[in-house]
Amino acid sequence: MIGLDLSSVEDARALVHRIGDAGTFYKIGYQLGYAGGLSFARELVESGKKVFLDLKLHDIGNTVEAGVRAVSQLGVTFLTVHAYPQTMRAAVAGREGTALKILAVTVLTSYDDDDLVEAGYAPGHAADLVARRTVQARDIGIDGIVCAAPEASRVRALLGPDRLIVTPGIRPAGAATGDQKRVMTPQEAIRGGADHLVVARPIIQAVDPRAVAQAIVADISAASAG
């Protein structure tokens, strides 16, 4: 799926038009979401596209439950929440009876072990925290996990075959990593157990975003076939 990490609906709409039928699934996060992106999400859905709303909700239970219930009316496919047990339980309650799927964000892909220590966690490994939160999410009934691609194989083993794994931080071979610290190529991520990949900057910053999107789809198809 293509991350619409842009600052205006006009820019996002133009990019979607340039990509055309090479893109069918789009992610909307904070940057676009707070610039009219929620209405644009409905527009994309009505045009036949799928939308991943990456809001990473985390608040008291009642607020999360009500927020998830409101988002379910937009017709989007995925919504993220942070993988804290109380938050996940509230999100599952809020999406009950709808087609919305809840994805739990384990550890942000811009975090490494040193970042977790700075945030107050005991010294350890980001992958271990991902594993613990994955088990909690599975037991609570979350539909899938968002994790860095290098953790996908371990998450799959814990999650089982029937839940989703979505991996951001995807970079085609030779692409700059930017502020991401735990990255993989599309083929590596798919072979590691991911179901959906999120690619933003390599596409939206490309001279020909449609061509880059097509090349990534071809990489994914090759990995799936292998």
C-alpha atoms as a PDB file:
ATOM      1  CA  MET A   1       0.000   0.000   0.000  1.00  0.00           C
ATOM      2  CA  ILE A   2       1.128   3.534  -0.742  1.00  0.00           C
ATOM      3  CA  GLY A   3       1.660   5.970   2.114  1.00  0.00           C
ATOM      4  CA  LEU A   4       0.183   9.364   1.299  1.00  0.00           C
ATOM      5  CA  ASP A   5       2.594  11.267   3.530  1.00  0.00           C
ATOM      6  CA  LEU A   6       1.675  14.627   2.027  1.00  0.00           C
ATOM      7  CA  SER A   7       0.517  17.930   3.478  1.00  0.00           C
ATOM      8  CA  SER A   8      -2.603  18.612   1.434  1.00  0.00           C
ATOM      9  CA  VAL A   9      -5.504  16.761  -0.100  1.00  0.00           C
ATOM     10  CA  GLU A  10      -4.725  18.462  -3.411  1.00  0.00           C
ATOM     11  CA  ASP A  11      -1.221  16.953  -3.476  1.00  0.00           C
ATOM     12  CA  ALA A  12      -2.556  13.553  -2.440  1.00  0.00           C
ATOM     13  CA  ARG A  13      -5.279  13.594  -5.071  1.00  0.00           C
ATOM     14  CA  ALA A  14      -2.741  14.538  -7.740  1.00  0.00           C
ATOM     15  CA  LEU A  15      -0.439  11.689  -6.715  1.00  0.00           C
ATOM     16  CA  VAL A  16      -3.261   9.151  -6.750  1.00  0.00           C
ATOM     17  CA  HIS A  17      -4.167  10.370 -10.249  1.00  0.00           C
ATOM     18  CA  ARG A  18      -0.556   9.990 -11.454  1.00  0.00           C
ATOM     19  CA  ILE A  19      -0.292   6.484 -10.057  1.00  0.00           C
ATOM     20  CA  GLY A  20      -3.608   5.444 -11.556  1.00  0.00           C
ATOM     21  CA  ASP A  21      -4.453   1.762 -11.531  1.00  0.00           C
ATOM     22  CA  ALA A  22      -0.938   0.891 -10.353  1.00  0.00           C
ATOM     23  CA  GLY A  23      -2.141   1.739  -6.830  1.00  0.00           C
ATOM     24  CA  THR A  24      -5.253   0.318  -5.190  1.00  0.00           C
ATOM     25  CA  PHE A  25      -4.502   0.643  -1.464  1.00  0.00           C
ATOM     26  CA  TYR A  26      -3.479   3.893   0.249  1.00  0.00           C
ATOM     27  CA  LYS A  27      -2.377   4.790   3.767  1.00  0.00           C
ATOM     28  CA  ILE A  28      -3.399   8.070   5.385  1.00  0.00           C
ATOM     29  CA  GLY A  29      -1.534   9.096   8.519  1.00  0.00           C
ATOM     30  CA  TYR A  30      -1.284  12.172  10.713  1.00  0.00           C
ATOM     31  CA  GLN A  31       0.226  14.498   8.127  1.00  0.00           C
ATOM     32  CA  LEU A  32      -2.619  14.191   5.644  1.00  0.00           C
ATOM     33  CA  GLY A  33      -5.242  13.161   8.172  1.00  0.00           C
ATOM     34  CA  TYR A  34      -5.069  16.508   9.944  1.00  0.00           C
ATOM     35  CA  ALA A  35      -5.158  18.361   6.627  1.00  0.00           C
ATOM     36  CA  GLY A  36      -8.512  17.064   5.398  1.00  0.00           C
ATOM     37  CA  GLY A  37      -7.450  13.467   4.982  1.00  0.00           C
ATOM     38  CA  LEU A  38     -10.455  11.924   6.718  1.00  0.00           C
ATOM     39  CA  SER A  39     -12.799  13.323   4.089  1.00  0.00           C
ATOM     40  CA  PHE A  40     -10.333  12.297   1.409  1.00  0.00           C
ATOM     41  CA  ALA A  41     -10.360   8.768   2.820  1.00  0.00           C
ATOM     42  CA  ARG A  42     -14.080   8.579   2.126  1.00  0.00           C
ATOM     43  CA  GLU A  43     -13.438   9.951  -1.377  1.00  0.00           C
ATOM     44  CA  LEU A  44     -10.884   7.226  -2.056  1.00  0.00           C
ATOM     45  CA  VAL A  45     -13.229   4.525  -0.771  1.00  0.00           C
ATOM     46  CA  GLU A  46     -16.032   5.813  -2.965  1.00  0.00           C
ATOM     47  CA  SER A  47     -13.703   5.677  -5.995  1.00  0.00           C
ATOM     48  CA  GLY A  48     -13.007   1.999  -5.369  1.00  0.00           C
ATOM     49  CA  LYS A  49      -9.682   2.286  -3.508  1.00  0.00           C
ATOM     50  CA  LYS A  50      -8.896   0.710  -0.153  1.00  0.00           C
ATOM     51  CA  VAL A  51      -7.686   2.874   2.715  1.00  0.00           C
ATOM     52  CA  PHE A  52      -5.487   2.188   5.710  1.00  0.00           C
ATOM     53  CA  LEU A  53      -6.116   4.918   8.289  1.00  0.00           C
ATOM     54  CA  ASP A  54      -2.949   5.106  10.369  1.00  0.00           C
ATOM     55  CA  LEU A  55      -4.056   7.145  13.389  1.00  0.00           C
ATOM     56  CA  LYS A  56      -2.368   5.048  16.091  1.00  0.00           C
ATOM     57  CA  LEU A  57      -5.121   5.680  18.627  1.00  0.00           C
ATOM     58  CA  HIS A  58      -4.177   5.520  22.296  1.00  0.00           C
ATOM     59  CA  ASP A  59      -6.363   7.020  25.011  1.00  0.00           C
ATOM     60  CA  ILE A  60      -8.723   5.964  27.768  1.00  0.00           C
ATOM     61  CA  GLY A  61     -10.908   3.030  26.821  1.00  0.00           C
ATOM     62  CA  ASN A  62     -14.191   4.899  26.295  1.00  0.00           C
ATOM     63  CA  THR A  63     -12.529   7.432  24.022  1.00  0.00           C
ATOM     64  CA  VAL A  64     -10.831   4.775  21.900  1.00  0.00           C
ATOM     65  CA  GLU A  65     -14.003   2.711  21.597  1.00  0.00           C
ATOM     66  CA  ALA A  66     -16.045   5.721  20.488  1.00  0.00           C
ATOM     67  CA  GLY A  67     -13.344   6.848  18.079  1.00  0.00           C
ATOM     68  CA  VAL A  68     -13.085   3.442  16.452  1.00  0.00           C
ATOM     69  CA  ARG A  69     -16.859   3.265  16.082  1.00  0.00           C
ATOM     70  CA  ALA A  70     -16.819   6.639  14.303  1.00  0.00           C
ATOM     71  CA  VAL A  71     -13.969   5.605  11.989  1.00  0.00           C
ATOM     72  CA  SER A  72     -15.854   2.443  11.023  1.00  0.00           C
ATOM     73  CA  GLN A  73     -18.434   4.654   9.302  1.00  0.00           C
ATOM     74  CA  LEU A  74     -15.853   5.923   6.792  1.00  0.00           C
ATOM     75  CA  GLY A  75     -15.594   2.586   5.028  1.00  0.00           C
ATOM     76  CA  VAL A  76     -11.820   2.283   5.453  1.00  0.00           C
ATOM     77  CA  THR A  77     -10.229  -1.161   5.613  1.00  0.00           C
ATOM     78  CA  PHE A  78      -7.638  -0.801   8.386  1.00  0.00           C
ATOM     79  CA  LEU A  79      -7.193   1.404  11.452  1.00  0.00           C
ATOM     80  CA  THR A  80      -4.180   1.398  13.766  1.00  0.00           C
ATOM     81  CA  VAL A  81      -4.066   1.625  17.539  1.00  0.00           C
ATOM     82  CA  HIS A  82      -1.065   1.378  19.849  1.00  0.00           C
ATOM     83  CA  ALA A  83      -0.548  -2.127  21.233  1.00  0.00           C
ATOM     84  CA  TYR A  84      -1.412  -1.439  24.868  1.00  0.00           C
ATOM     85  CA  PRO A  85      -3.903  -3.994  26.238  1.00  0.00           C
ATOM     86  CA  GLN A  86      -6.547  -1.548  27.447  1.00  0.00           C
ATOM     87  CA  THR A  87      -6.429   0.339  24.154  1.00  0.00           C
ATOM     88  CA  MET A  88      -6.658  -2.845  22.097  1.00  0.00           C
ATOM     89  CA  ARG A  89      -9.624  -4.174  24.059  1.00  0.00           C
ATOM     90  CA  ALA A  90     -11.478  -0.899  23.561  1.00  0.00           C
ATOM     91  CA  ALA A  91     -10.714  -0.901  19.828  1.00  0.00           C
ATOM     92  CA  VAL A  92     -12.016  -4.442  19.418  1.00  0.00           C
ATOM     93  CA  ALA A  93     -15.231  -3.427  21.176  1.00  0.00           C
ATOM     94  CA  GLY A  94     -15.573  -0.337  18.978  1.00  0.00           C
ATOM     95  CA  ARG A  95     -15.278  -2.221  15.686  1.00  0.00           C
ATOM     96  CA  GLU A  96     -17.675  -4.996  16.691  1.00  0.00           C
ATOM     97  CA  GLY A  97     -20.279  -5.607  14.001  1.00  0.00           C
ATOM     98  CA  THR A  98     -18.381  -3.725  11.288  1.00  0.00           C
ATOM     99  CA  ALA A  99     -15.973  -4.675   8.496  1.00  0.00           C
ATOM    100  CA  LEU A 100     -13.180  -2.512   9.921  1.00  0.00           C
ATOM    101  CA  LYS A 101      -9.983  -4.365  10.841  1.00  0.00           C
ATOM    102  CA  ILE A 102      -7.856  -3.176  13.758  1.00  0.00           C
ATOM    103  CA  LEU A 103      -4.074  -3.304  13.517  1.00  0.00           C
ATOM    104  CA  ALA A 104      -1.914  -2.944  16.609  1.00  0.00           C
ATOM    105  CA  VAL A 105       1.329  -0.971  16.368  1.00  0.00           C
ATOM    106  CA  THR A 106       3.954  -2.793  18.404  1.00  0.00           C
ATOM    107  CA  VAL A 107       7.186  -0.762  18.292  1.00  0.00           C
ATOM    108  CA  LEU A 108       7.622   2.105  15.852  1.00  0.00           C
ATOM    109  CA  THR A 109      10.055   1.337  13.041  1.00  0.00           C
ATOM    110  CA  SER A 110      12.034   4.487  13.865  1.00  0.00           C
ATOM    111  CA  TYR A 111      12.871   3.026  17.311  1.00  0.00           C
ATOM    112  CA  ASP A 112      15.840   0.858  18.138  1.00  0.00           C
ATOM    113  CA  ASP A 113      17.035  -0.571  21.459  1.00  0.00           C
ATOM    114  CA  ASP A 114      18.659   2.701  22.551  1.00  0.00           C
ATOM    115  CA  ASP A 115      15.447   4.629  21.871  1.00  0.00           C
ATOM    116  CA  LEU A 116      13.476   2.237  24.084  1.00  0.00           C
ATOM    117  CA  VAL A 117      15.939   2.680  26.935  1.00  0.00           C
ATOM    118  CA  GLU A 118      15.677   6.453  26.575  1.00  0.00           C
ATOM    119  CA  ALA A 119      11.873   6.113  26.749  1.00  0.00           C
ATOM    120  CA  GLY A 120      12.117   4.330  30.101  1.00  0.00           C
ATOM    121  CA  TYR A 121      12.053   0.665  29.140  1.00  0.00           C
ATOM    122  CA  ALA A 122      14.512  -1.713  30.770  1.00  0.00           C
ATOM    123  CA  PRO A 123      17.516  -2.588  28.606  1.00  0.00           C
ATOM    124  CA  GLY A 124      16.603  -5.289  26.131  1.00  0.00           C
ATOM    125  CA  HIS A 125      15.682  -5.674  22.517  1.00  0.00           C
ATOM    126  CA  ALA A 126      12.980  -4.027  20.433  1.00  0.00           C
ATOM    127  CA  ALA A 127      12.193  -7.436  18.937  1.00  0.00           C
ATOM    128  CA  ASP A 128      11.367  -8.837  22.398  1.00  0.00           C
ATOM    129  CA  LEU A 129       8.906  -6.036  23.091  1.00  0.00           C
ATOM    130  CA  VAL A 130       7.328  -6.617  19.670  1.00  0.00           C
ATOM    131  CA  ALA A 131       6.907 -10.296  20.560  1.00  0.00           C
ATOM    132  CA  ARG A 132       5.277  -9.578  23.912  1.00  0.00           C
ATOM    133  CA  ARG A 133       2.814  -7.114  22.429  1.00  0.00           C
ATOM    134  CA  THR A 134       2.044  -9.479  19.569  1.00  0.00           C
ATOM    135  CA  VAL A 135       0.968 -12.209  21.980  1.00  0.00           C
ATOM    136  CA  GLN A 136      -1.204  -9.758  23.904  1.00  0.00           C
ATOM    137  CA  ALA A 137      -2.807  -8.520  20.670  1.00  0.00           C
ATOM    138  CA  ARG A 138      -3.486 -12.060  19.483  1.00  0.00           C
ATOM    139  CA  ASP A 139      -5.159 -13.023  22.733  1.00  0.00           C
ATOM    140  CA  ILE A 140      -7.300  -9.864  22.772  1.00  0.00           C
ATOM    141  CA  GLY A 141      -8.584 -10.496  19.244  1.00  0.00           C
ATOM    142  CA  ILE A 142      -6.780  -7.840  17.224  1.00  0.00           C
ATOM    143  CA  ASP A 143      -6.941  -8.454  13.462  1.00  0.00           C
ATOM    144  CA  GLY A 144      -3.285  -7.845  12.752  1.00  0.00           C
ATOM    145  CA  ILE A 145       0.045  -6.400  13.756  1.00  0.00           C
ATOM    146  CA  VAL A 146       2.130  -3.526  12.451  1.00  0.00           C
ATOM    147  CA  CYS A 147       5.799  -4.263  12.946  1.00  0.00           C
ATOM    148  CA  ALA A 148       9.137  -3.667  11.287  1.00  0.00           C
ATOM    149  CA  ALA A 149       9.883  -6.095   8.485  1.00  0.00           C
ATOM    150  CA  PRO A 150      12.852  -7.754  10.281  1.00  0.00           C
ATOM    151  CA  GLU A 151      10.427  -8.890  13.017  1.00  0.00           C
ATOM    152  CA  ALA A 152       7.789 -10.278  10.615  1.00  0.00           C
ATOM    153  CA  SER A 153       8.912 -13.902  10.698  1.00  0.00           C
ATOM    154  CA  ARG A 154       8.963 -14.003  14.501  1.00  0.00           C
ATOM    155  CA  VAL A 155       5.607 -12.221  14.681  1.00  0.00           C
ATOM    156  CA  ARG A 156       4.107 -14.698  12.212  1.00  0.00           C
ATOM    157  CA  ALA A 157       5.191 -17.608  14.388  1.00  0.00           C
ATOM    158  CA  LEU A 158       3.476 -16.030  17.409  1.00  0.00           C
ATOM    159  CA  LEU A 159       0.434 -14.706  15.585  1.00  0.00           C
ATOM    160  CA  GLY A 160      -0.487 -17.772  13.557  1.00  0.00           C
ATOM    161  CA  PRO A 161      -1.491 -17.933   9.887  1.00  0.00           C
ATOM    162  CA  ASP A 162      -4.867 -16.206  10.074  1.00  0.00           C
ATOM    163  CA  ARG A 163      -3.951 -12.720  11.314  1.00  0.00           C
ATOM    164  CA  LEU A 164      -2.457  -9.921   9.256  1.00  0.00           C
ATOM    165  CA  ILE A 165       1.065  -8.526   9.364  1.00  0.00           C
ATOM    166  CA  VAL A 166       1.652  -5.045   7.955  1.00  0.00           C
ATOM    167  CA  THR A 167       5.202  -3.767   7.637  1.00  0.00           C
ATOM    168  CA  PRO A 168       6.217  -0.136   7.113  1.00  0.00           C
ATOM    169  CA  GLY A 169       9.820   0.924   6.655  1.00  0.00           C
ATOM    170  CA  ILE A 170       9.988  -0.798   3.266  1.00  0.00           C
ATOM    171  CA  ARG A 171      12.750   0.390   0.974  1.00  0.00           C
ATOM    172  CA  PRO A 172      13.487  -0.964  -2.511  1.00  0.00           C
ATOM    173  CA  ALA A 173      17.072  -2.106  -3.010  1.00  0.00           C
ATOM    174  CA  GLY A 174      19.366   0.928  -3.160  1.00  0.00           C
ATOM    175  CA  ALA A 175      16.836   3.379  -1.704  1.00  0.00           C
ATOM    176  CA  ALA A 176      17.770   5.695   1.169  1.00  0.00           C
ATOM    177  CA  THR A 177      16.552   4.535   4.586  1.00  0.00           C
ATOM    178  CA  GLY A 178      15.854   8.056   5.908  1.00  0.00           C
ATOM    179  CA  ASP A 179      14.825   7.988   9.578  1.00  0.00           C
ATOM    180  CA  GLN A 180      13.841   4.332   9.526  1.00  0.00           C
ATOM    181  CA  LYS A 181      16.173   2.048  11.482  1.00  0.00           C
ATOM    182  CA  ARG A 182      14.692  -1.424  10.899  1.00  0.00           C
ATOM    183  CA  VAL A 183      14.060  -1.767   7.167  1.00  0.00           C
ATOM    184  CA  MET A 184      13.831  -4.422   4.427  1.00  0.00           C
ATOM    185  CA  THR A 185      13.250  -4.645   0.695  1.00  0.00           C
ATOM    186  CA  PRO A 186       9.768  -5.668  -0.538  1.00  0.00           C
ATOM    187  CA  GLN A 187      10.892  -9.196  -1.420  1.00  0.00           C
ATOM    188  CA  GLU A 188      12.592  -9.708   1.938  1.00  0.00           C
ATOM    189  CA  ALA A 189       9.497  -8.546   3.835  1.00  0.00           C
ATOM    190  CA  ILE A 190       7.087 -10.780   1.932  1.00  0.00           C
ATOM    191  CA  ARG A 191       9.347 -13.796   2.329  1.00  0.00           C
ATOM    192  CA  GLY A 192       9.601 -12.998   6.025  1.00  0.00           C
ATOM    193  CA  GLY A 193       5.835 -13.347   6.501  1.00  0.00           C
ATOM    194  CA  ALA A 194       4.312  -9.912   5.840  1.00  0.00           C
ATOM    195  CA  ASP A 195       0.877  -9.667   4.200  1.00  0.00           C
ATOM    196  CA  HIS A 196       0.905  -5.961   3.372  1.00  0.00           C
ATOM    197  CA  LEU A 197       3.786  -3.524   2.852  1.00  0.00           C
ATOM    198  CA  VAL A 198       3.678   0.237   3.323  1.00  0.00           C
ATOM    199  CA  VAL A 199       5.844   2.278   0.961  1.00  0.00           C
ATOM    200  CA  ALA A 200       5.763   6.068   1.091  1.00  0.00           C
ATOM    201  CA  ARG A 201       8.855   8.147   0.335  1.00  0.00           C
ATOM    202  CA  PRO A 202      10.328   5.911  -2.389  1.00  0.00           C
ATOM    203  CA  ILE A 203       7.090   6.411  -4.335  1.00  0.00           C
ATOM    204  CA  ILE A 204       5.953   9.920  -3.483  1.00  0.00           C
ATOM    205  CA  GLN A 205       9.429  11.393  -4.003  1.00  0.00           C
ATOM    206  CA  ALA A 206      10.009   9.594  -7.306  1.00  0.00           C
ATOM    207  CA  VAL A 207      10.133  11.379 -10.636  1.00  0.00           C
ATOM    208  CA  ASP A 208       7.771   8.693 -11.946  1.00  0.00           C
ATOM    209  CA  PRO A 209       5.750   7.405  -8.972  1.00  0.00           C
ATOM    210  CA  ARG A 210       3.631   5.118 -11.147  1.00  0.00           C
ATOM    211  CA  ALA A 211       6.723   3.312 -12.447  1.00  0.00           C
ATOM    212  CA  VAL A 212       8.135   2.874  -8.944  1.00  0.00           C
ATOM    213  CA  ALA A 213       4.796   1.525  -7.698  1.00  0.00           C
ATOM    214  CA  GLN A 214       4.682  -0.936 -10.584  1.00  0.00           C
ATOM    215  CA  ALA A 215       8.247  -2.085  -9.884  1.00  0.00           C
ATOM    216  CA  ILE A 216       7.433  -2.698  -6.218  1.00  0.00           C
ATOM    217  CA  VAL A 217       4.307  -4.673  -7.152  1.00  0.00           C
ATOM    218  CA  ALA A 218       6.467  -6.785  -9.471  1.00  0.00           C
ATOM    219  CA  ASP A 219       8.940  -7.426  -6.626  1.00  0.00           C
ATOM    220  CA  ILE A 220       6.102  -8.495  -4.347  1.00  0.00           C
ATOM    221  CA  SER A 221       4.659 -10.805  -7.020  1.00  0.00           C
ATOM    222  CA  ALA A 222       8.068 -12.383  -7.565  1.00  0.00           C
ATOM    223  CA  ALA A 223       8.506 -12.973  -3.828  1.00  0.00           C
ATOM    224  CA  SER A 224       5.015 -14.464  -3.498  1.00  0.00           C
ATOM    225  CA  ALA A 225       5.606 -16.755  -6.458  1.00  0.00           C
ATOM    226  CA  GLY A 226       8.919 -17.921  -5.009  1.00  0.00           C
END
